[in-house]
Amino acid sequence: MTVAKSVALFVVAALFEIGGAWLVWQGIREHRGWLWVGLGIVALGAYGFVATLQPDANFGRILAAYGGVFVAGSLIWGMAMDGFRPDRWDVAGALLCLVGVAVIMYAPR
């Protein structure tokens, strides 16, 4: 599997997990109803499935690396969906996390 395909899987997983959590948040905190919560739960389940498609067989490595994608993706989601504006420290932290993803997943072994 290529690095590009692995990165694409991380992006899809992030869309499902962050989107699912956002839907649950909207359903509960923003009082949009149980349909939103239910859709969020389905999306969160899809995230778990997509994560298993990564080529590396080590659960810990995949989830550790995905954590960095989640951090950066959450900031981007907040910008797109909620008007959040990250400050320079948010951006610096997200970039550090993405460097960590690259080291964990794609460093030569």
PDB file of N, CA and C in Angstrom:
ATOM      1  N   MET A   1       0.853  -1.183   0.000  1.00  0.00           N
ATOM      2  CA  MET A   1       0.000   0.000   0.000  1.00  0.00           C
ATOM      3  C   MET A   1       0.891   1.235   0.000  1.00  0.00           C
ATOM      4  N   THR A   2       0.542   2.191  -0.779  1.00  0.00           N
ATOM      5  CA  THR A   2       1.348   3.396  -0.871  1.00  0.00           C
ATOM      6  C   THR A   2       1.070   4.335   0.299  1.00  0.00           C
ATOM      7  N   VAL A   3       2.011   5.247   0.497  1.00  0.00           N
ATOM      8  CA  VAL A   3       1.825   6.274   1.526  1.00  0.00           C
ATOM      9  C   VAL A   3       0.576   7.090   1.203  1.00  0.00           C
ATOM     10  N   ALA A   4       0.366   7.410  -0.066  1.00  0.00           N
ATOM     11  CA  ALA A   4      -0.800   8.203  -0.454  1.00  0.00           C
ATOM     12  C   ALA A   4      -2.101   7.505  -0.071  1.00  0.00           C
ATOM     13  N   LYS A   5      -2.170   6.195  -0.294  1.00  0.00           N
ATOM     14  CA  LYS A   5      -3.389   5.462   0.063  1.00  0.00           C
ATOM     15  C   LYS A   5      -3.570   5.430   1.578  1.00  0.00           C
ATOM     16  N   SER A   6      -2.491   5.258   2.309  1.00  0.00           N
ATOM     17  CA  SER A   6      -2.553   5.261   3.765  1.00  0.00           C
ATOM     18  C   SER A   6      -3.028   6.614   4.289  1.00  0.00           C
ATOM     19  N   VAL A   7      -2.496   7.691   3.724  1.00  0.00           N
ATOM     20  CA  VAL A   7      -2.917   9.039   4.125  1.00  0.00           C
ATOM     21  C   VAL A   7      -4.397   9.228   3.811  1.00  0.00           C
ATOM     22  N   ALA A   8      -4.836   8.758   2.635  1.00  0.00           N
ATOM     23  CA  ALA A   8      -6.249   8.867   2.263  1.00  0.00           C
ATOM     24  C   ALA A   8      -7.135   8.129   3.266  1.00  0.00           C
ATOM     25  N   LEU A   9      -6.692   6.957   3.711  1.00  0.00           N
ATOM     26  CA  LEU A   9      -7.458   6.222   4.725  1.00  0.00           C
ATOM     27  C   LEU A   9      -7.536   6.994   6.035  1.00  0.00           C
ATOM     28  N   PHE A  10      -6.447   7.637   6.426  1.00  0.00           N
ATOM     29  CA  PHE A  10      -6.478   8.470   7.628  1.00  0.00           C
ATOM     30  C   PHE A  10      -7.472   9.621   7.474  1.00  0.00           C
ATOM     31  N   VAL A  11      -7.504  10.234   6.298  1.00  0.00           N
ATOM     32  CA  VAL A  11      -8.420  11.348   6.063  1.00  0.00           C
ATOM     33  C   VAL A  11      -9.874  10.869   6.128  1.00  0.00           C
ATOM     34  N   VAL A  12     -10.166   9.745   5.493  1.00  0.00           N
ATOM     35  CA  VAL A  12     -11.529   9.203   5.539  1.00  0.00           C
ATOM     36  C   VAL A  12     -11.911   8.837   6.978  1.00  0.00           C
ATOM     37  N   ALA A  13     -10.988   8.202   7.691  1.00  0.00           N
ATOM     38  CA  ALA A  13     -11.258   7.867   9.090  1.00  0.00           C
ATOM     39  C   ALA A  13     -11.544   9.125   9.903  1.00  0.00           C
ATOM     40  N   ALA A  14     -10.784  10.176   9.662  1.00  0.00           N
ATOM     41  CA  ALA A  14     -10.995  11.432  10.394  1.00  0.00           C
ATOM     42  C   ALA A  14     -12.361  12.022  10.074  1.00  0.00           C
ATOM     43  N   LEU A  15     -12.756  11.998   8.815  1.00  0.00           N
ATOM     44  CA  LEU A  15     -14.077  12.518   8.456  1.00  0.00           C
ATOM     45  C   LEU A  15     -15.181  11.772   9.197  1.00  0.00           C
ATOM     46  N   PHE A  16     -15.064  10.458   9.259  1.00  0.00           N
ATOM     47  CA  PHE A  16     -16.077   9.673   9.975  1.00  0.00           C
ATOM     48  C   PHE A  16     -16.033   9.925  11.483  1.00  0.00           C
ATOM     49  N   GLU A  17     -14.844   9.918  12.072  1.00  0.00           N
ATOM     50  CA  GLU A  17     -14.795  10.071  13.526  1.00  0.00           C
ATOM     51  C   GLU A  17     -15.145  11.493  13.965  1.00  0.00           C
ATOM     52  N   ILE A  18     -14.522  12.460  13.353  1.00  0.00           N
ATOM     53  CA  ILE A  18     -14.786  13.846  13.745  1.00  0.00           C
ATOM     54  C   ILE A  18     -16.225  14.217  13.377  1.00  0.00           C
ATOM     55  N   GLY A  19     -16.636  13.826  12.185  1.00  0.00           N
ATOM     56  CA  GLY A  19     -18.017  14.089  11.783  1.00  0.00           C
ATOM     57  C   GLY A  19     -19.023  13.401  12.684  1.00  0.00           C
ATOM     58  N   GLY A  20     -18.734  12.167  13.059  1.00  0.00           N
ATOM     59  CA  GLY A  20     -19.639  11.443  13.958  1.00  0.00           C
ATOM     60  C   GLY A  20     -19.725  12.089  15.322  1.00  0.00           C
ATOM     61  N   ALA A  21     -18.589  12.468  15.860  1.00  0.00           N
ATOM     62  CA  ALA A  21     -18.591  13.137  17.167  1.00  0.00           C
ATOM     63  C   ALA A  21     -19.315  14.479  17.075  1.00  0.00           C
ATOM     64  N   TRP A  22     -19.128  15.190  15.965  1.00  0.00           N
ATOM     65  CA  TRP A  22     -19.803  16.471  15.775  1.00  0.00           C
ATOM     66  C   TRP A  22     -21.319  16.280  15.701  1.00  0.00           C
ATOM     67  N   LEU A  23     -21.751  15.227  14.997  1.00  0.00           N
ATOM     68  CA  LEU A  23     -23.186  14.959  14.912  1.00  0.00           C
ATOM     69  C   LEU A  23     -23.776  14.657  16.288  1.00  0.00           C
ATOM     70  N   VAL A  24     -23.086  13.862  17.082  1.00  0.00           N
ATOM     71  CA  VAL A  24     -23.556  13.586  18.444  1.00  0.00           C
ATOM     72  C   VAL A  24     -23.607  14.885  19.241  1.00  0.00           C
ATOM     73  N   TRP A  25     -22.570  15.691  19.132  1.00  0.00           N
ATOM     74  CA  TRP A  25     -22.518  16.989  19.820  1.00  0.00           C
ATOM     75  C   TRP A  25     -23.722  17.847  19.416  1.00  0.00           C
ATOM     76  N   GLN A  26     -23.969  17.920  18.108  1.00  0.00           N
ATOM     77  CA  GLN A  26     -25.098  18.717  17.623  1.00  0.00           C
ATOM     78  C   GLN A  26     -26.426  18.169  18.145  1.00  0.00           C
ATOM     79  N   GLY A  27     -26.564  16.864  18.136  1.00  0.00           N
ATOM     80  CA  GLY A  27     -27.800  16.254  18.603  1.00  0.00           C
ATOM     81  C   GLY A  27     -28.080  16.522  20.070  1.00  0.00           C
ATOM     82  N   ILE A  28     -27.042  16.448  20.904  1.00  0.00           N
ATOM     83  CA  ILE A  28     -27.205  16.610  22.350  1.00  0.00           C
ATOM     84  C   ILE A  28     -27.053  18.071  22.766  1.00  0.00           C
ATOM     85  N   ARG A  29     -25.902  18.651  22.491  1.00  0.00           N
ATOM     86  CA  ARG A  29     -25.605  20.000  22.988  1.00  0.00           C
ATOM     87  C   ARG A  29     -26.383  21.097  22.269  1.00  0.00           C
ATOM     88  N   GLU A  30     -26.650  20.893  21.000  1.00  0.00           N
ATOM     89  CA  GLU A  30     -27.369  21.909  20.229  1.00  0.00           C
ATOM     90  C   GLU A  30     -28.845  21.549  20.042  1.00  0.00           C
ATOM     91  N   HIS A  31     -29.281  20.482  20.698  1.00  0.00           N
ATOM     92  CA  HIS A  31     -30.695  20.064  20.734  1.00  0.00           C
ATOM     93  C   HIS A  31     -31.287  19.829  19.347  1.00  0.00           C
ATOM     94  N   ARG A  32     -30.501  19.186  18.495  1.00  0.00           N
ATOM     95  CA  ARG A  32     -30.995  18.909  17.145  1.00  0.00           C
ATOM     96  C   ARG A  32     -31.712  17.571  17.057  1.00  0.00           C
ATOM     97  N   GLY A  33     -31.624  16.782  18.103  1.00  0.00           N
ATOM     98  CA  GLY A  33     -32.432  15.571  18.149  1.00  0.00           C
ATOM     99  C   GLY A  33     -31.651  14.278  18.015  1.00  0.00           C
ATOM    100  N   TRP A  34     -32.399  13.207  18.257  1.00  0.00           N
ATOM    101  CA  TRP A  34     -31.803  11.874  18.301  1.00  0.00           C
ATOM    102  C   TRP A  34     -31.407  11.344  16.936  1.00  0.00           C
ATOM    103  N   LEU A  35     -32.016  11.854  15.864  1.00  0.00           N
ATOM    104  CA  LEU A  35     -31.593  11.438  14.526  1.00  0.00           C
ATOM    105  C   LEU A  35     -30.135  11.821  14.304  1.00  0.00           C
ATOM    106  N   TRP A  36     -29.749  13.030  14.713  1.00  0.00           N
ATOM    107  CA  TRP A  36     -28.363  13.466  14.593  1.00  0.00           C
ATOM    108  C   TRP A  36     -27.445  12.561  15.410  1.00  0.00           C
ATOM    109  N   VAL A  37     -27.884  12.236  16.608  1.00  0.00           N
ATOM    110  CA  VAL A  37     -27.084  11.353  17.472  1.00  0.00           C
ATOM    111  C   VAL A  37     -26.928   9.990  16.809  1.00  0.00           C
ATOM    112  N   GLY A  38     -28.012   9.450  16.293  1.00  0.00           N
ATOM    113  CA  GLY A  38     -27.959   8.142  15.634  1.00  0.00           C
ATOM    114  C   GLY A  38     -27.035   8.138  14.429  1.00  0.00           C
ATOM    115  N   LEU A  39     -27.109   9.188  13.614  1.00  0.00           N
ATOM    116  CA  LEU A  39     -26.206   9.298  12.464  1.00  0.00           C
ATOM    117  C   LEU A  39     -24.753   9.404  12.926  1.00  0.00           C
ATOM    118  N   GLY A  40     -24.542  10.112  14.030  1.00  0.00           N
ATOM    119  CA  GLY A  40     -23.189  10.211  14.584  1.00  0.00           C
ATOM    120  C   GLY A  40     -22.659   8.861  15.019  1.00  0.00           C
ATOM    121  N   ILE A  41     -23.498   8.073  15.643  1.00  0.00           N
ATOM    122  CA  ILE A  41     -23.082   6.737  16.095  1.00  0.00           C
ATOM    123  C   ILE A  41     -22.724   5.861  14.899  1.00  0.00           C
ATOM    124  N   VAL A  42     -23.503   5.945  13.843  1.00  0.00           N
ATOM    125  CA  VAL A  42     -23.196   5.182  12.622  1.00  0.00           C
ATOM    126  C   VAL A  42     -21.855   5.626  12.043  1.00  0.00           C
ATOM    127  N   ALA A  43     -21.634   6.932  11.981  1.00  0.00           N
ATOM    128  CA  ALA A  43     -20.368   7.445  11.452  1.00  0.00           C
ATOM    129  C   ALA A  43     -19.193   7.003  12.316  1.00  0.00           C
ATOM    130  N   LEU A  44     -19.365   7.002  13.621  1.00  0.00           N
ATOM    131  CA  LEU A  44     -18.284   6.554  14.505  1.00  0.00           C
ATOM    132  C   LEU A  44     -17.964   5.074  14.290  1.00  0.00           C
ATOM    133  N   GLY A  45     -18.988   4.279  14.043  1.00  0.00           N
ATOM    134  CA  GLY A  45     -18.754   2.871  13.711  1.00  0.00           C
ATOM    135  C   GLY A  45     -18.004   2.715  12.400  1.00  0.00           C
ATOM    136  N   ALA A  46     -18.353   3.552  11.421  1.00  0.00           N
ATOM    137  CA  ALA A  46     -17.648   3.511  10.130  1.00  0.00           C
ATOM    138  C   ALA A  46     -16.185   3.876  10.305  1.00  0.00           C
ATOM    139  N   TYR A  47     -15.905   4.839  11.190  1.00  0.00           N
ATOM    140  CA  TYR A  47     -14.503   5.190  11.485  1.00  0.00           C
ATOM    141  C   TYR A  47     -13.739   3.957  11.950  1.00  0.00           C
ATOM    142  N   GLY A  48     -14.318   3.212  12.868  1.00  0.00           N
ATOM    143  CA  GLY A  48     -13.638   2.019  13.380  1.00  0.00           C
ATOM    144  C   GLY A  48     -13.335   1.019  12.283  1.00  0.00           C
ATOM    145  N   PHE A  49     -14.239   0.891  11.331  1.00  0.00           N
ATOM    146  CA  PHE A  49     -14.012  -0.015  10.207  1.00  0.00           C
ATOM    147  C   PHE A  49     -12.892   0.495   9.313  1.00  0.00           C
ATOM    148  N   VAL A  50     -12.924   1.771   8.945  1.00  0.00           N
ATOM    149  CA  VAL A  50     -11.920   2.334   8.039  1.00  0.00           C
ATOM    150  C   VAL A  50     -10.520   2.221   8.647  1.00  0.00           C
ATOM    151  N   ALA A  51     -10.416   2.417   9.946  1.00  0.00           N
ATOM    152  CA  ALA A  51      -9.102   2.326  10.600  1.00  0.00           C
ATOM    153  C   ALA A  51      -8.475   0.947  10.409  1.00  0.00           C
ATOM    154  N   THR A  52      -9.285  -0.088  10.291  1.00  0.00           N
ATOM    155  CA  THR A  52      -8.743  -1.443  10.120  1.00  0.00           C
ATOM    156  C   THR A  52      -8.152  -1.679   8.737  1.00  0.00           C
ATOM    157  N   LEU A  53      -8.398  -0.786   7.805  1.00  0.00           N
ATOM    158  CA  LEU A  53      -7.911  -0.968   6.438  1.00  0.00           C
ATOM    159  C   LEU A  53      -6.461  -0.527   6.244  1.00  0.00           C
ATOM    160  N   GLN A  54      -5.869   0.085   7.258  1.00  0.00           N
ATOM    161  CA  GLN A  54      -4.452   0.481   7.164  1.00  0.00           C
ATOM    162  C   GLN A  54      -3.592  -0.773   7.000  1.00  0.00           C
ATOM    163  N   PRO A  55      -2.490  -0.661   6.269  1.00  0.00           N
ATOM    164  CA  PRO A  55      -1.670  -1.835   5.989  1.00  0.00           C
ATOM    165  C   PRO A  55      -0.896  -2.364   7.190  1.00  0.00           C
ATOM    166  N   ASP A  56      -0.531  -1.515   8.107  1.00  0.00           N
ATOM    167  CA  ASP A  56       0.240  -1.941   9.277  1.00  0.00           C
ATOM    168  C   ASP A  56      -0.648  -2.773  10.191  1.00  0.00           C
ATOM    169  N   ALA A  57      -0.128  -3.853  10.711  1.00  0.00           N
ATOM    170  CA  ALA A  57      -0.919  -4.760  11.547  1.00  0.00           C
ATOM    171  C   ALA A  57      -0.899  -4.378  13.022  1.00  0.00           C
ATOM    172  N   ASN A  58      -0.225  -3.313  13.384  1.00  0.00           N
ATOM    173  CA  ASN A  58      -0.079  -2.943  14.794  1.00  0.00           C
ATOM    174  C   ASN A  58      -1.111  -1.904  15.192  1.00  0.00           C
ATOM    175  N   PHE A  59      -2.107  -2.354  15.957  1.00  0.00           N
ATOM    176  CA  PHE A  59      -3.191  -1.478  16.399  1.00  0.00           C
ATOM    177  C   PHE A  59      -2.655  -0.228  17.084  1.00  0.00           C
ATOM    178  N   GLY A  60      -1.711  -0.398  17.983  1.00  0.00           N
ATOM    179  CA  GLY A  60      -1.173   0.737  18.721  1.00  0.00           C
ATOM    180  C   GLY A  60      -0.541   1.772  17.816  1.00  0.00           C
ATOM    181  N   ARG A  61       0.198   1.321  16.822  1.00  0.00           N
ATOM    182  CA  ARG A  61       0.846   2.251  15.893  1.00  0.00           C
ATOM    183  C   ARG A  61      -0.195   3.015  15.074  1.00  0.00           C
ATOM    184  N   ILE A  62      -1.174   2.312  14.558  1.00  0.00           N
ATOM    185  CA  ILE A  62      -2.206   2.954  13.746  1.00  0.00           C
ATOM    186  C   ILE A  62      -2.959   4.001  14.559  1.00  0.00           C
ATOM    187  N   LEU A  63      -3.389   3.619  15.762  1.00  0.00           N
ATOM    188  CA  LEU A  63      -4.167   4.562  16.565  1.00  0.00           C
ATOM    189  C   LEU A  63      -3.323   5.708  17.084  1.00  0.00           C
ATOM    190  N   ALA A  64      -2.064   5.465  17.392  1.00  0.00           N
ATOM    191  CA  ALA A  64      -1.181   6.552  17.822  1.00  0.00           C
ATOM    192  C   ALA A  64      -1.003   7.556  16.692  1.00  0.00           C
ATOM    193  N   ALA A  65      -0.743   7.062  15.502  1.00  0.00           N
ATOM    194  CA  ALA A  65      -0.570   7.952  14.354  1.00  0.00           C
ATOM    195  C   ALA A  65      -1.886   8.663  14.036  1.00  0.00           C
ATOM    196  N   TYR A  66      -2.980   7.935  14.103  1.00  0.00           N
ATOM    197  CA  TYR A  66      -4.271   8.550  13.804  1.00  0.00           C
ATOM    198  C   TYR A  66      -4.570   9.697  14.777  1.00  0.00           C
ATOM    199  N   GLY A  67      -4.082   9.594  15.998  1.00  0.00           N
ATOM    200  CA  GLY A  67      -4.295  10.662  16.967  1.00  0.00           C
ATOM    201  C   GLY A  67      -3.819  12.009  16.446  1.00  0.00           C
ATOM    202  N   GLY A  68      -2.691  12.020  15.765  1.00  0.00           N
ATOM    203  CA  GLY A  68      -2.187  13.262  15.192  1.00  0.00           C
ATOM    204  C   GLY A  68      -3.074  13.786  14.071  1.00  0.00           C
ATOM    205  N   VAL A  69      -3.590  12.865  13.258  1.00  0.00           N
ATOM    206  CA  VAL A  69      -4.515  13.252  12.197  1.00  0.00           C
ATOM    207  C   VAL A  69      -5.789  13.824  12.815  1.00  0.00           C
ATOM    208  N   PHE A  70      -6.249  13.196  13.899  1.00  0.00           N
ATOM    209  CA  PHE A  70      -7.450  13.656  14.589  1.00  0.00           C
ATOM    210  C   PHE A  70      -7.282  15.082  15.110  1.00  0.00           C
ATOM    211  N   VAL A  71      -6.123  15.377  15.693  1.00  0.00           N
ATOM    212  CA  VAL A  71      -5.873  16.717  16.231  1.00  0.00           C
ATOM    213  C   VAL A  71      -5.980  17.759  15.120  1.00  0.00           C
ATOM    214  N   ALA A  72      -5.250  17.550  14.040  1.00  0.00           N
ATOM    215  CA  ALA A  72      -5.266  18.513  12.937  1.00  0.00           C
ATOM    216  C   ALA A  72      -6.652  18.569  12.286  1.00  0.00           C
ATOM    217  N   GLY A  73      -7.246  17.413  12.072  1.00  0.00           N
ATOM    218  CA  GLY A  73      -8.563  17.361  11.442  1.00  0.00           C
ATOM    219  C   GLY A  73      -9.638  18.040  12.269  1.00  0.00           C
ATOM    220  N   SER A  74      -9.542  17.923  13.576  1.00  0.00           N
ATOM    221  CA  SER A  74     -10.534  18.556  14.448  1.00  0.00           C
ATOM    222  C   SER A  74     -10.479  20.079  14.328  1.00  0.00           C
ATOM    223  N   LEU A  75      -9.291  20.625  14.229  1.00  0.00           N
ATOM    224  CA  LEU A  75      -9.164  22.071  14.048  1.00  0.00           C
ATOM    225  C   LEU A  75      -9.748  22.506  12.708  1.00  0.00           C
ATOM    226  N   ILE A  76      -9.465  21.737  11.667  1.00  0.00           N
ATOM    227  CA  ILE A  76      -9.996  22.061  10.340  1.00  0.00           C
ATOM    228  C   ILE A  76     -11.523  21.942  10.340  1.00  0.00           C
ATOM    229  N   TRP A  77     -12.038  20.891  10.959  1.00  0.00           N
ATOM    230  CA  TRP A  77     -13.494  20.705  11.045  1.00  0.00           C
ATOM    231  C   TRP A  77     -14.130  21.892  11.768  1.00  0.00           C
ATOM    232  N   GLY A  78     -13.543  22.278  12.887  1.00  0.00           N
ATOM    233  CA  GLY A  78     -14.075  23.407  13.640  1.00  0.00           C
ATOM    234  C   GLY A  78     -14.102  24.685  12.821  1.00  0.00           C
ATOM    235  N   MET A  79     -13.079  24.884  12.002  1.00  0.00           N
ATOM    236  CA  MET A  79     -13.043  26.063  11.128  1.00  0.00           C
ATOM    237  C   MET A  79     -14.168  25.996  10.093  1.00  0.00           C
ATOM    238  N   ALA A  80     -14.330  24.833   9.493  1.00  0.00           N
ATOM    239  CA  ALA A  80     -15.304  24.682   8.410  1.00  0.00           C
ATOM    240  C   ALA A  80     -16.747  24.679   8.903  1.00  0.00           C
ATOM    241  N   MET A  81     -16.983  24.041  10.031  1.00  0.00           N
ATOM    242  CA  MET A  81     -18.365  23.814  10.461  1.00  0.00           C
ATOM    243  C   MET A  81     -18.850  24.753  11.560  1.00  0.00           C
ATOM    244  N   ASP A  82     -17.939  25.296  12.336  1.00  0.00           N
ATOM    245  CA  ASP A  82     -18.353  26.094  13.490  1.00  0.00           C
ATOM    246  C   ASP A  82     -17.745  27.489  13.524  1.00  0.00           C
ATOM    247  N   GLY A  83     -16.986  27.865  12.498  1.00  0.00           N
ATOM    248  CA  GLY A  83     -16.390  29.189  12.474  1.00  0.00           C
ATOM    249  C   GLY A  83     -15.239  29.383  13.449  1.00  0.00           C
ATOM    250  N   PHE A  84     -14.673  28.281  13.943  1.00  0.00           N
ATOM    251  CA  PHE A  84     -13.535  28.362  14.866  1.00  0.00           C
ATOM    252  C   PHE A  84     -12.323  28.911  14.138  1.00  0.00           C
ATOM    253  N   ARG A  85     -11.573  29.770  14.793  1.00  0.00           N
ATOM    254  CA  ARG A  85     -10.337  30.308  14.225  1.00  0.00           C
ATOM    255  C   ARG A  85      -9.177  29.931  15.141  1.00  0.00           C
ATOM    256  N   PRO A  86      -8.370  28.961  14.701  1.00  0.00           N
ATOM    257  CA  PRO A  86      -7.238  28.553  15.542  1.00  0.00           C
ATOM    258  C   PRO A  86      -6.197  29.657  15.630  1.00  0.00           C
ATOM    259  N   ASP A  87      -5.520  29.716  16.771  1.00  0.00           N
ATOM    260  CA  ASP A  87      -4.425  30.676  16.893  1.00  0.00           C
ATOM    261  C   ASP A  87      -3.128  29.991  16.463  1.00  0.00           C
ATOM    262  N   ARG A  88      -2.049  30.726  16.520  1.00  0.00           N
ATOM    263  CA  ARG A  88      -0.770  30.183  16.033  1.00  0.00           C
ATOM    264  C   ARG A  88      -0.333  28.973  16.833  1.00  0.00           C
ATOM    265  N   TRP A  89      -0.708  28.889  18.103  1.00  0.00           N
ATOM    266  CA  TRP A  89      -0.318  27.752  18.932  1.00  0.00           C
ATOM    267  C   TRP A  89      -1.126  26.520  18.560  1.00  0.00           C
ATOM    268  N   ASP A  90      -2.381  26.707  18.217  1.00  0.00           N
ATOM    269  CA  ASP A  90      -3.177  25.587  17.707  1.00  0.00           C
ATOM    270  C   ASP A  90      -2.541  25.026  16.435  1.00  0.00           C
ATOM    271  N   VAL A  91      -2.173  25.923  15.531  1.00  0.00           N
ATOM    272  CA  VAL A  91      -1.572  25.513  14.263  1.00  0.00           C
ATOM    273  C   VAL A  91      -0.227  24.833  14.505  1.00  0.00           C
ATOM    274  N   ALA A  92       0.593  25.416  15.372  1.00  0.00           N
ATOM    275  CA  ALA A  92       1.903  24.809  15.670  1.00  0.00           C
ATOM    276  C   ALA A  92       1.729  23.418  16.275  1.00  0.00           C
ATOM    277  N   GLY A  93       0.800  23.282  17.197  1.00  0.00           N
ATOM    278  CA  GLY A  93       0.559  21.978  17.807  1.00  0.00           C
ATOM    279  C   GLY A  93       0.079  20.954  16.802  1.00  0.00           C
ATOM    280  N   ALA A  94      -0.818  21.363  15.906  1.00  0.00           N
ATOM    281  CA  ALA A  94      -1.315  20.451  14.880  1.00  0.00           C
ATOM    282  C   ALA A  94      -0.192  20.021  13.939  1.00  0.00           C
ATOM    283  N   LEU A  95       0.666  20.960  13.560  1.00  0.00           N
ATOM    284  CA  LEU A  95       1.796  20.610  12.685  1.00  0.00           C
ATOM    285  C   LEU A  95       2.749  19.640  13.371  1.00  0.00           C
ATOM    286  N   LEU A  96       2.992  19.854  14.659  1.00  0.00           N
ATOM    287  CA  LEU A  96       3.827  18.909  15.410  1.00  0.00           C
ATOM    288  C   LEU A  96       3.201  17.519  15.413  1.00  0.00           C
ATOM    289  N   CYS A  97       1.895  17.469  15.595  1.00  0.00           N
ATOM    290  CA  CYS A  97       1.207  16.178  15.576  1.00  0.00           C
ATOM    291  C   CYS A  97       1.349  15.495  14.225  1.00  0.00           C
ATOM    292  N   LEU A  98       1.239  16.257  13.140  1.00  0.00           N
ATOM    293  CA  LEU A  98       1.365  15.663  11.810  1.00  0.00           C
ATOM    294  C   LEU A  98       2.791  15.186  11.538  1.00  0.00           C
ATOM    295  N   VAL A  99       3.775  15.879  12.071  1.00  0.00           N
ATOM    296  CA  VAL A  99       5.152  15.378  11.978  1.00  0.00           C
ATOM    297  C   VAL A  99       5.246  14.043  12.718  1.00  0.00           C
ATOM    298  N   GLY A 100       4.614  13.963  13.869  1.00  0.00           N
ATOM    299  CA  GLY A 100       4.581  12.710  14.616  1.00  0.00           C
ATOM    300  C   GLY A 100       3.935  11.583  13.823  1.00  0.00           C
ATOM    301  N   VAL A 101       2.860  11.884  13.113  1.00  0.00           N
ATOM    302  CA  VAL A 101       2.207  10.887  12.258  1.00  0.00           C
ATOM    303  C   VAL A 101       3.200  10.360  11.227  1.00  0.00           C
ATOM    304  N   ALA A 102       3.911  11.270  10.584  1.00  0.00           N
ATOM    305  CA  ALA A 102       4.868  10.868   9.550  1.00  0.00           C
ATOM    306  C   ALA A 102       5.965   9.982  10.122  1.00  0.00           C
ATOM    307  N   VAL A 103       6.456  10.328  11.299  1.00  0.00           N
ATOM    308  CA  VAL A 103       7.526   9.531  11.914  1.00  0.00           C
ATOM    309  C   VAL A 103       6.994   8.151  12.301  1.00  0.00           C
ATOM    310  N   ILE A 104       5.838   8.126  12.951  1.00  0.00           N
ATOM    311  CA  ILE A 104       5.294   6.851  13.422  1.00  0.00           C
ATOM    312  C   ILE A 104       4.960   5.918  12.254  1.00  0.00           C
ATOM    313  N   MET A 105       4.327   6.459  11.235  1.00  0.00           N
ATOM    314  CA  MET A 105       3.809   5.599  10.155  1.00  0.00           C
ATOM    315  C   MET A 105       4.795   5.352   9.025  1.00  0.00           C
ATOM    316  N   TYR A 106       5.575   6.358   8.671  1.00  0.00           N
ATOM    317  CA  TYR A 106       6.269   6.270   7.396  1.00  0.00           C
ATOM    318  C   TYR A 106       7.793   6.300   7.488  1.00  0.00           C
ATOM    319  N   ALA A 107       8.329   6.339   8.698  1.00  0.00           N
ATOM    320  CA  ALA A 107       9.787   6.256   8.834  1.00  0.00           C
ATOM    321  C   ALA A 107      10.249   4.859   8.411  1.00  0.00           C
ATOM    322  N   PRO A 108      11.419   4.773   7.784  1.00  0.00           N
ATOM    323  CA  PRO A 108      11.905   3.445   7.391  1.00  0.00           C
ATOM    324  C   PRO A 108      12.137   2.563   8.605  1.00  0.00           C
ATOM    325  N   ARG A 109      11.768   1.319   8.462  1.00  0.00           N
ATOM    326  CA  ARG A 109      11.937   0.343   9.555  1.00  0.00           C
ATOM    327  C   ARG A 109      12.836  -0.767   9.065  1.00  0.00           C
TER     328      ARG A 109
END
